[in-house]
Amino acid sequence: MTDTPVTEMSFEQAMAELEQVLGQLERGDVALDQSITLYERGAALKARCEAKLKEAEEKVAAITLDNEGNPTGTTPADIQ
């Protein structure tokens, strides 16, 4: 588990840590208090991943194509 605040993580960072948290919880070799802490961190990581996915979906939905197949409705700066 990293000390990076969940709100500052990229999707990839949050997903990687979430996988680590799940692995620890699935093994079942952690104390109850630590399990609760891991569960709490996992819930925050899951929420971060969902928020980042929603952002990506909104960006993709904003992109429409004209008759020639060129993106419209957004600028390259919006996509970054």
PDB file of N, CA and C in Angstrom:
ATOM      1  N   MET A   1       0.843  -1.173   0.000  1.00  0.00           N
ATOM      2  CA  MET A   1       0.000   0.000   0.000  1.00  0.00           C
ATOM      3  C   MET A   1       0.891   1.240   0.000  1.00  0.00           C
ATOM      4  N   THR A   2       0.555   2.204  -0.865  1.00  0.00           N
ATOM      5  CA  THR A   2       1.357   3.423  -0.927  1.00  0.00           C
ATOM      6  C   THR A   2       0.755   4.505  -0.040  1.00  0.00           C
ATOM      7  N   ASP A   3       1.546   5.543   0.164  1.00  0.00           N
ATOM      8  CA  ASP A   3       1.072   6.678   0.947  1.00  0.00           C
ATOM      9  C   ASP A   3       0.449   7.751   0.066  1.00  0.00           C
ATOM     10  N   THR A   4       0.417   7.511  -1.242  1.00  0.00           N
ATOM     11  CA  THR A   4      -0.159   8.479  -2.169  1.00  0.00           C
ATOM     12  C   THR A   4      -1.654   8.615  -1.906  1.00  0.00           C
ATOM     13  N   PRO A   5      -2.129   9.856  -1.764  1.00  0.00           N
ATOM     14  CA  PRO A   5      -3.576  10.029  -1.597  1.00  0.00           C
ATOM     15  C   PRO A   5      -4.323   9.477  -2.818  1.00  0.00           C
ATOM     16  N   VAL A   6      -5.393   8.792  -2.569  1.00  0.00           N
ATOM     17  CA  VAL A   6      -6.164   8.178  -3.649  1.00  0.00           C
ATOM     18  C   VAL A   6      -6.599   9.219  -4.667  1.00  0.00           C
ATOM     19  N   THR A   7      -6.940  10.409  -4.213  1.00  0.00           N
ATOM     20  CA  THR A   7      -7.425  11.454  -5.113  1.00  0.00           C
ATOM     21  C   THR A   7      -6.362  11.960  -6.080  1.00  0.00           C
ATOM     22  N   GLU A   8      -5.099  11.621  -5.837  1.00  0.00           N
ATOM     23  CA  GLU A   8      -4.014  12.046  -6.722  1.00  0.00           C
ATOM     24  C   GLU A   8      -3.538  10.934  -7.647  1.00  0.00           C
ATOM     25  N   MET A   9      -4.150   9.771  -7.554  1.00  0.00           N
ATOM     26  CA  MET A   9      -3.710   8.630  -8.351  1.00  0.00           C
ATOM     27  C   MET A   9      -4.330   8.633  -9.745  1.00  0.00           C
ATOM     28  N   SER A  10      -3.542   8.124 -10.694  1.00  0.00           N
ATOM     29  CA  SER A  10      -4.083   7.879 -12.026  1.00  0.00           C
ATOM     30  C   SER A  10      -4.935   6.613 -11.955  1.00  0.00           C
ATOM     31  N   PHE A  11      -5.679   6.355 -13.004  1.00  0.00           N
ATOM     32  CA  PHE A  11      -6.468   5.130 -13.063  1.00  0.00           C
ATOM     33  C   PHE A  11      -5.574   3.913 -12.899  1.00  0.00           C
ATOM     34  N   GLU A  12      -4.454   3.911 -13.603  1.00  0.00           N
ATOM     35  CA  GLU A  12      -3.556   2.754 -13.580  1.00  0.00           C
ATOM     36  C   GLU A  12      -2.959   2.531 -12.194  1.00  0.00           C
ATOM     37  N   GLN A  13      -2.577   3.612 -11.526  1.00  0.00           N
ATOM     38  CA  GLN A  13      -2.030   3.476 -10.178  1.00  0.00           C
ATOM     39  C   GLN A  13      -3.077   2.929  -9.213  1.00  0.00           C
ATOM     40  N   ALA A  14      -4.275   3.478  -9.296  1.00  0.00           N
ATOM     41  CA  ALA A  14      -5.343   3.035  -8.397  1.00  0.00           C
ATOM     42  C   ALA A  14      -5.705   1.572  -8.654  1.00  0.00           C
ATOM     43  N   MET A  15      -5.747   1.181  -9.912  1.00  0.00           N
ATOM     44  CA  MET A  15      -6.089  -0.201 -10.242  1.00  0.00           C
ATOM     45  C   MET A  15      -5.013  -1.165  -9.745  1.00  0.00           C
ATOM     46  N   ALA A  16      -3.741  -0.797  -9.920  1.00  0.00           N
ATOM     47  CA  ALA A  16      -2.644  -1.660  -9.468  1.00  0.00           C
ATOM     48  C   ALA A  16      -2.691  -1.845  -7.955  1.00  0.00           C
ATOM     49  N   GLU A  17      -2.926  -0.749  -7.228  1.00  0.00           N
ATOM     50  CA  GLU A  17      -2.986  -0.882  -5.778  1.00  0.00           C
ATOM     51  C   GLU A  17      -4.233  -1.646  -5.349  1.00  0.00           C
ATOM     52  N   LEU A  18      -5.335  -1.439  -6.039  1.00  0.00           N
ATOM     53  CA  LEU A  18      -6.560  -2.173  -5.720  1.00  0.00           C
ATOM     54  C   LEU A  18      -6.327  -3.678  -5.873  1.00  0.00           C
ATOM     55  N   GLU A  19      -5.608  -4.073  -6.902  1.00  0.00           N
ATOM     56  CA  GLU A  19      -5.290  -5.494  -7.089  1.00  0.00           C
ATOM     57  C   GLU A  19      -4.447  -6.025  -5.928  1.00  0.00           C
ATOM     58  N   GLN A  20      -3.513  -5.218  -5.446  1.00  0.00           N
ATOM     59  CA  GLN A  20      -2.693  -5.626  -4.306  1.00  0.00           C
ATOM     60  C   GLN A  20      -3.550  -5.785  -3.051  1.00  0.00           C
ATOM     61  N   VAL A  21      -4.428  -4.822  -2.826  1.00  0.00           N
ATOM     62  CA  VAL A  21      -5.316  -4.869  -1.657  1.00  0.00           C
ATOM     63  C   VAL A  21      -6.190  -6.116  -1.716  1.00  0.00           C
ATOM     64  N   LEU A  22      -6.766  -6.377  -2.884  1.00  0.00           N
ATOM     65  CA  LEU A  22      -7.620  -7.558  -3.025  1.00  0.00           C
ATOM     66  C   LEU A  22      -6.841  -8.839  -2.779  1.00  0.00           C
ATOM     67  N   GLY A  23      -5.609  -8.883  -3.260  1.00  0.00           N
ATOM     68  CA  GLY A  23      -4.772 -10.063  -3.035  1.00  0.00           C
ATOM     69  C   GLY A  23      -4.536 -10.310  -1.557  1.00  0.00           C
ATOM     70  N   GLN A  24      -4.262  -9.245  -0.825  1.00  0.00           N
ATOM     71  CA  GLN A  24      -4.038  -9.387   0.612  1.00  0.00           C
ATOM     72  C   GLN A  24      -5.317  -9.862   1.316  1.00  0.00           C
ATOM     73  N   LEU A  25      -6.444  -9.280   0.935  1.00  0.00           N
ATOM     74  CA  LEU A  25      -7.707  -9.673   1.576  1.00  0.00           C
ATOM     75  C   LEU A  25      -8.095 -11.111   1.232  1.00  0.00           C
ATOM     76  N   GLU A  26      -7.839 -11.511  -0.004  1.00  0.00           N
ATOM     77  CA  GLU A  26      -8.182 -12.877  -0.427  1.00  0.00           C
ATOM     78  C   GLU A  26      -7.327 -13.923   0.286  1.00  0.00           C
ATOM     79  N   ARG A  27      -6.071 -13.599   0.561  1.00  0.00           N
ATOM     80  CA  ARG A  27      -5.210 -14.559   1.260  1.00  0.00           C
ATOM     81  C   ARG A  27      -5.719 -14.817   2.671  1.00  0.00           C
ATOM     82  N   GLY A  28      -6.314 -13.812   3.272  1.00  0.00           N
ATOM     83  CA  GLY A  28      -6.891 -13.986   4.595  1.00  0.00           C
ATOM     84  C   GLY A  28      -5.888 -14.122   5.722  1.00  0.00           C
ATOM     85  N   ASP A  29      -4.662 -13.696   5.480  1.00  0.00           N
ATOM     86  CA  ASP A  29      -3.635 -13.844   6.515  1.00  0.00           C
ATOM     87  C   ASP A  29      -3.325 -12.528   7.222  1.00  0.00           C
ATOM     88  N   VAL A  30      -4.276 -11.596   7.216  1.00  0.00           N
ATOM     89  CA  VAL A  30      -4.077 -10.322   7.905  1.00  0.00           C
ATOM     90  C   VAL A  30      -5.041 -10.229   9.084  1.00  0.00           C
ATOM     91  N   ALA A  31      -4.629  -9.492  10.089  1.00  0.00           N
ATOM     92  CA  ALA A  31      -5.452  -9.317  11.286  1.00  0.00           C
ATOM     93  C   ALA A  31      -6.730  -8.546  10.934  1.00  0.00           C
ATOM     94  N   LEU A  32      -7.726  -8.680  11.774  1.00  0.00           N
ATOM     95  CA  LEU A  32      -9.018  -8.043  11.538  1.00  0.00           C
ATOM     96  C   LEU A  32      -8.870  -6.534  11.359  1.00  0.00           C
ATOM     97  N   ASP A  33      -8.140  -5.879  12.239  1.00  0.00           N
ATOM     98  CA  ASP A  33      -7.964  -4.428  12.128  1.00  0.00           C
ATOM     99  C   ASP A  33      -7.332  -4.042  10.790  1.00  0.00           C
ATOM    100  N   GLN A  34      -6.330  -4.796  10.376  1.00  0.00           N
ATOM    101  CA  GLN A  34      -5.678  -4.512   9.100  1.00  0.00           C
ATOM    102  C   GLN A  34      -6.632  -4.805   7.942  1.00  0.00           C
ATOM    103  N   SER A  35      -7.444  -5.828   8.066  1.00  0.00           N
ATOM    104  CA  SER A  35      -8.430  -6.140   7.031  1.00  0.00           C
ATOM    105  C   SER A  35      -9.404  -4.985   6.843  1.00  0.00           C
ATOM    106  N   ILE A  36      -9.832  -4.391   7.938  1.00  0.00           N
ATOM    107  CA  ILE A  36     -10.761  -3.257   7.865  1.00  0.00           C
ATOM    108  C   ILE A  36     -10.087  -2.071   7.185  1.00  0.00           C
ATOM    109  N   THR A  37      -8.830  -1.814   7.530  1.00  0.00           N
ATOM    110  CA  THR A  37      -8.073  -0.731   6.903  1.00  0.00           C
ATOM    111  C   THR A  37      -7.906  -0.988   5.410  1.00  0.00           C
ATOM    112  N   LEU A  38      -7.574  -2.225   5.055  1.00  0.00           N
ATOM    113  CA  LEU A  38      -7.426  -2.585   3.647  1.00  0.00           C
ATOM    114  C   LEU A  38      -8.746  -2.447   2.896  1.00  0.00           C
ATOM    115  N   TYR A  39      -9.828  -2.867   3.528  1.00  0.00           N
ATOM    116  CA  TYR A  39     -11.144  -2.771   2.899  1.00  0.00           C
ATOM    117  C   TYR A  39     -11.494  -1.307   2.636  1.00  0.00           C
ATOM    118  N   GLU A  40     -11.213  -0.450   3.613  1.00  0.00           N
ATOM    119  CA  GLU A  40     -11.492   0.975   3.465  1.00  0.00           C
ATOM    120  C   GLU A  40     -10.673   1.566   2.307  1.00  0.00           C
ATOM    121  N   ARG A  41      -9.387   1.224   2.253  1.00  0.00           N
ATOM    122  CA  ARG A  41      -8.530   1.714   1.164  1.00  0.00           C
ATOM    123  C   ARG A  41      -9.030   1.178  -0.172  1.00  0.00           C
ATOM    124  N   GLY A  42      -9.405  -0.086  -0.193  1.00  0.00           N
ATOM    125  CA  GLY A  42      -9.922  -0.686  -1.423  1.00  0.00           C
ATOM    126  C   GLY A  42     -11.186   0.005  -1.911  1.00  0.00           C
ATOM    127  N   ALA A  43     -12.067   0.364  -1.003  1.00  0.00           N
ATOM    128  CA  ALA A  43     -13.299   1.064  -1.378  1.00  0.00           C
ATOM    129  C   ALA A  43     -12.975   2.427  -1.987  1.00  0.00           C
ATOM    130  N   ALA A  44     -12.000   3.130  -1.413  1.00  0.00           N
ATOM    131  CA  ALA A  44     -11.600   4.431  -1.950  1.00  0.00           C
ATOM    132  C   ALA A  44     -10.953   4.272  -3.327  1.00  0.00           C
ATOM    133  N   LEU A  45     -10.128   3.235  -3.482  1.00  0.00           N
ATOM    134  CA  LEU A  45      -9.491   2.977  -4.774  1.00  0.00           C
ATOM    135  C   LEU A  45     -10.528   2.626  -5.832  1.00  0.00           C
ATOM    136  N   LYS A  46     -11.511   1.833  -5.466  1.00  0.00           N
ATOM    137  CA  LYS A  46     -12.588   1.467  -6.390  1.00  0.00           C
ATOM    138  C   LYS A  46     -13.341   2.706  -6.842  1.00  0.00           C
ATOM    139  N   ALA A  47     -13.646   3.588  -5.908  1.00  0.00           N
ATOM    140  CA  ALA A  47     -14.353   4.823  -6.246  1.00  0.00           C
ATOM    141  C   ALA A  47     -13.517   5.683  -7.195  1.00  0.00           C
ATOM    142  N   ARG A  48     -12.197   5.743  -6.963  1.00  0.00           N
ATOM    143  CA  ARG A  48     -11.312   6.520  -7.842  1.00  0.00           C
ATOM    144  C   ARG A  48     -11.308   5.939  -9.248  1.00  0.00           C
ATOM    145  N   CYS A  49     -11.211   4.628  -9.352  1.00  0.00           N
ATOM    146  CA  CYS A  49     -11.230   3.983 -10.659  1.00  0.00           C
ATOM    147  C   CYS A  49     -12.539   4.268 -11.392  1.00  0.00           C
ATOM    148  N   GLU A  50     -13.645   4.170 -10.681  1.00  0.00           N
ATOM    149  CA  GLU A  50     -14.947   4.440 -11.293  1.00  0.00           C
ATOM    150  C   GLU A  50     -15.045   5.890 -11.766  1.00  0.00           C
ATOM    151  N   ALA A  51     -14.520   6.826 -10.978  1.00  0.00           N
ATOM    152  CA  ALA A  51     -14.562   8.236 -11.362  1.00  0.00           C
ATOM    153  C   ALA A  51     -13.712   8.486 -12.611  1.00  0.00           C
ATOM    154  N   LYS A  52     -12.524   7.886 -12.653  1.00  0.00           N
ATOM    155  CA  LYS A  52     -11.660   8.064 -13.818  1.00  0.00           C
ATOM    156  C   LYS A  52     -12.276   7.424 -15.062  1.00  0.00           C
ATOM    157  N   LEU A  53     -12.925   6.285 -14.916  1.00  0.00           N
ATOM    158  CA  LEU A  53     -13.602   5.658 -16.053  1.00  0.00           C
ATOM    159  C   LEU A  53     -14.752   6.524 -16.550  1.00  0.00           C
ATOM    160  N   LYS A  54     -15.488   7.126 -15.632  1.00  0.00           N
ATOM    161  CA  LYS A  54     -16.591   7.997 -16.024  1.00  0.00           C
ATOM    162  C   LYS A  54     -16.065   9.203 -16.799  1.00  0.00           C
ATOM    163  N   GLU A  55     -14.951   9.776 -16.342  1.00  0.00           N
ATOM    164  CA  GLU A  55     -14.333  10.889 -17.059  1.00  0.00           C
ATOM    165  C   GLU A  55     -13.979  10.475 -18.486  1.00  0.00           C
ATOM    166  N   ALA A  56     -13.385   9.305 -18.626  1.00  0.00           N
ATOM    167  CA  ALA A  56     -12.993   8.815 -19.951  1.00  0.00           C
ATOM    168  C   ALA A  56     -14.221   8.587 -20.827  1.00  0.00           C
ATOM    169  N   GLU A  57     -15.271   8.007 -20.264  1.00  0.00           N
ATOM    170  CA  GLU A  57     -16.501   7.776 -21.023  1.00  0.00           C
ATOM    171  C   GLU A  57     -17.097   9.089 -21.511  1.00  0.00           C
ATOM    172  N   GLU A  58     -17.072  10.112 -20.664  1.00  0.00           N
ATOM    173  CA  GLU A  58     -17.611  11.413 -21.042  1.00  0.00           C
ATOM    174  C   GLU A  58     -16.801  12.036 -22.169  1.00  0.00           C
ATOM    175  N   LYS A  59     -15.481  11.875 -22.125  1.00  0.00           N
ATOM    176  CA  LYS A  59     -14.631  12.400 -23.194  1.00  0.00           C
ATOM    177  C   LYS A  59     -14.919  11.686 -24.513  1.00  0.00           C
ATOM    178  N   VAL A  60     -15.057  10.369 -24.445  1.00  0.00           N
ATOM    179  CA  VAL A  60     -15.339   9.597 -25.653  1.00  0.00           C
ATOM    180  C   VAL A  60     -16.721   9.959 -26.198  1.00  0.00           C
ATOM    181  N   ALA A  61     -17.688  10.124 -25.325  1.00  0.00           N
ATOM    182  CA  ALA A  61     -19.041  10.473 -25.758  1.00  0.00           C
ATOM    183  C   ALA A  61     -19.081  11.854 -26.397  1.00  0.00           C
ATOM    184  N   ALA A  62     -18.183  12.740 -25.998  1.00  0.00           N
ATOM    185  CA  ALA A  62     -18.157  14.092 -26.549  1.00  0.00           C
ATOM    186  C   ALA A  62     -17.591  14.123 -27.962  1.00  0.00           C
ATOM    187  N   ILE A  63     -16.909  13.080 -28.344  1.00  0.00           N
ATOM    188  CA  ILE A  63     -16.307  13.036 -29.671  1.00  0.00           C
ATOM    189  C   ILE A  63     -17.340  12.483 -30.648  1.00  0.00           C
ATOM    190  N   THR A  64     -17.658  13.287 -31.644  1.00  0.00           N
ATOM    191  CA  THR A  64     -18.535  12.819 -32.716  1.00  0.00           C
ATOM    192  C   THR A  64     -17.757  12.941 -34.015  1.00  0.00           C
ATOM    193  N   LEU A  65     -18.170  12.239 -35.011  1.00  0.00           N
ATOM    194  CA  LEU A  65     -17.468  12.254 -36.286  1.00  0.00           C
ATOM    195  C   LEU A  65     -18.314  12.965 -37.336  1.00  0.00           C
ATOM    196  N   ASP A  66     -17.641  13.745 -38.187  1.00  0.00           N
ATOM    197  CA  ASP A  66     -18.356  14.368 -39.290  1.00  0.00           C
ATOM    198  C   ASP A  66     -18.478  13.365 -40.433  1.00  0.00           C
ATOM    199  N   ASN A  67     -19.022  13.806 -41.566  1.00  0.00           N
ATOM    200  CA  ASN A  67     -19.249  12.905 -42.704  1.00  0.00           C
ATOM    201  C   ASN A  67     -17.959  12.319 -43.264  1.00  0.00           C
ATOM    202  N   GLU A  68     -16.834  12.976 -42.997  1.00  0.00           N
ATOM    203  CA  GLU A  68     -15.544  12.491 -43.491  1.00  0.00           C
ATOM    204  C   GLU A  68     -14.804  11.653 -42.453  1.00  0.00           C
ATOM    205  N   GLY A  69     -15.420  11.427 -41.285  1.00  0.00           N
ATOM    206  CA  GLY A  69     -14.797  10.622 -40.249  1.00  0.00           C
ATOM    207  C   GLY A  69     -13.872  11.387 -39.334  1.00  0.00           C
ATOM    208  N   ASN A  70     -13.889  12.713 -39.413  1.00  0.00           N
ATOM    209  CA  ASN A  70     -13.038  13.536 -38.559  1.00  0.00           C
ATOM    210  C   ASN A  70     -13.762  13.858 -37.257  1.00  0.00           C
ATOM    211  N   PRO A  71     -13.037  13.854 -36.135  1.00  0.00           N
ATOM    212  CA  PRO A  71     -13.675  14.179 -34.856  1.00  0.00           C
ATOM    213  C   PRO A  71     -14.183  15.615 -34.827  1.00  0.00           C
ATOM    214  N   THR A  72     -15.348  15.800 -34.265  1.00  0.00           N
ATOM    215  CA  THR A  72     -15.910  17.133 -34.069  1.00  0.00           C
ATOM    216  C   THR A  72     -16.453  17.217 -32.654  1.00  0.00           C
ATOM    217  N   GLY A  73     -16.801  18.387 -32.210  1.00  0.00           N
ATOM    218  CA  GLY A  73     -17.415  18.543 -30.891  1.00  0.00           C
ATOM    219  C   GLY A  73     -16.427  18.580 -29.752  1.00  0.00           C
ATOM    220  N   THR A  74     -15.147  18.506 -30.065  1.00  0.00           N
ATOM    221  CA  THR A  74     -14.137  18.571 -29.033  1.00  0.00           C
ATOM    222  C   THR A  74     -12.837  19.065 -29.663  1.00  0.00           C
ATOM    223  N   THR A  75     -11.962  19.573 -28.871  1.00  0.00           N
ATOM    224  CA  THR A  75     -10.654  20.000 -29.354  1.00  0.00           C
ATOM    225  C   THR A  75      -9.594  19.089 -28.764  1.00  0.00           C
ATOM    226  N   PRO A  76      -8.418  19.012 -29.376  1.00  0.00           N
ATOM    227  CA  PRO A  76      -7.365  18.151 -28.801  1.00  0.00           C
ATOM    228  C   PRO A  76      -7.071  18.456 -27.347  1.00  0.00           C
ATOM    229  N   ALA A  77      -7.161  19.717 -26.928  1.00  0.00           N
ATOM    230  CA  ALA A  77      -6.908  20.059 -25.526  1.00  0.00           C
ATOM    231  C   ALA A  77      -7.954  19.420 -24.608  1.00  0.00           C
ATOM    232  N   ASP A  78      -9.186  19.282 -25.085  1.00  0.00           N
ATOM    233  CA  ASP A  78     -10.238  18.650 -24.280  1.00  0.00           C
ATOM    234  C   ASP A  78      -9.942  17.173 -24.051  1.00  0.00           C
ATOM    235  N   ILE A  79      -9.326  16.541 -25.005  1.00  0.00           N
ATOM    236  CA  ILE A  79      -9.093  15.093 -24.939  1.00  0.00           C
ATOM    237  C   ILE A  79      -8.002  14.766 -23.926  1.00  0.00           C
ATOM    238  N   GLN A  80      -6.997  15.630 -23.798  1.00  0.00           N
ATOM    239  CA  GLN A  80      -5.901  15.350 -22.880  1.00  0.00           C
ATOM    240  C   GLN A  80      -6.429  15.380 -21.490  1.00  0.00           C
TER     241      GLN A  80
END
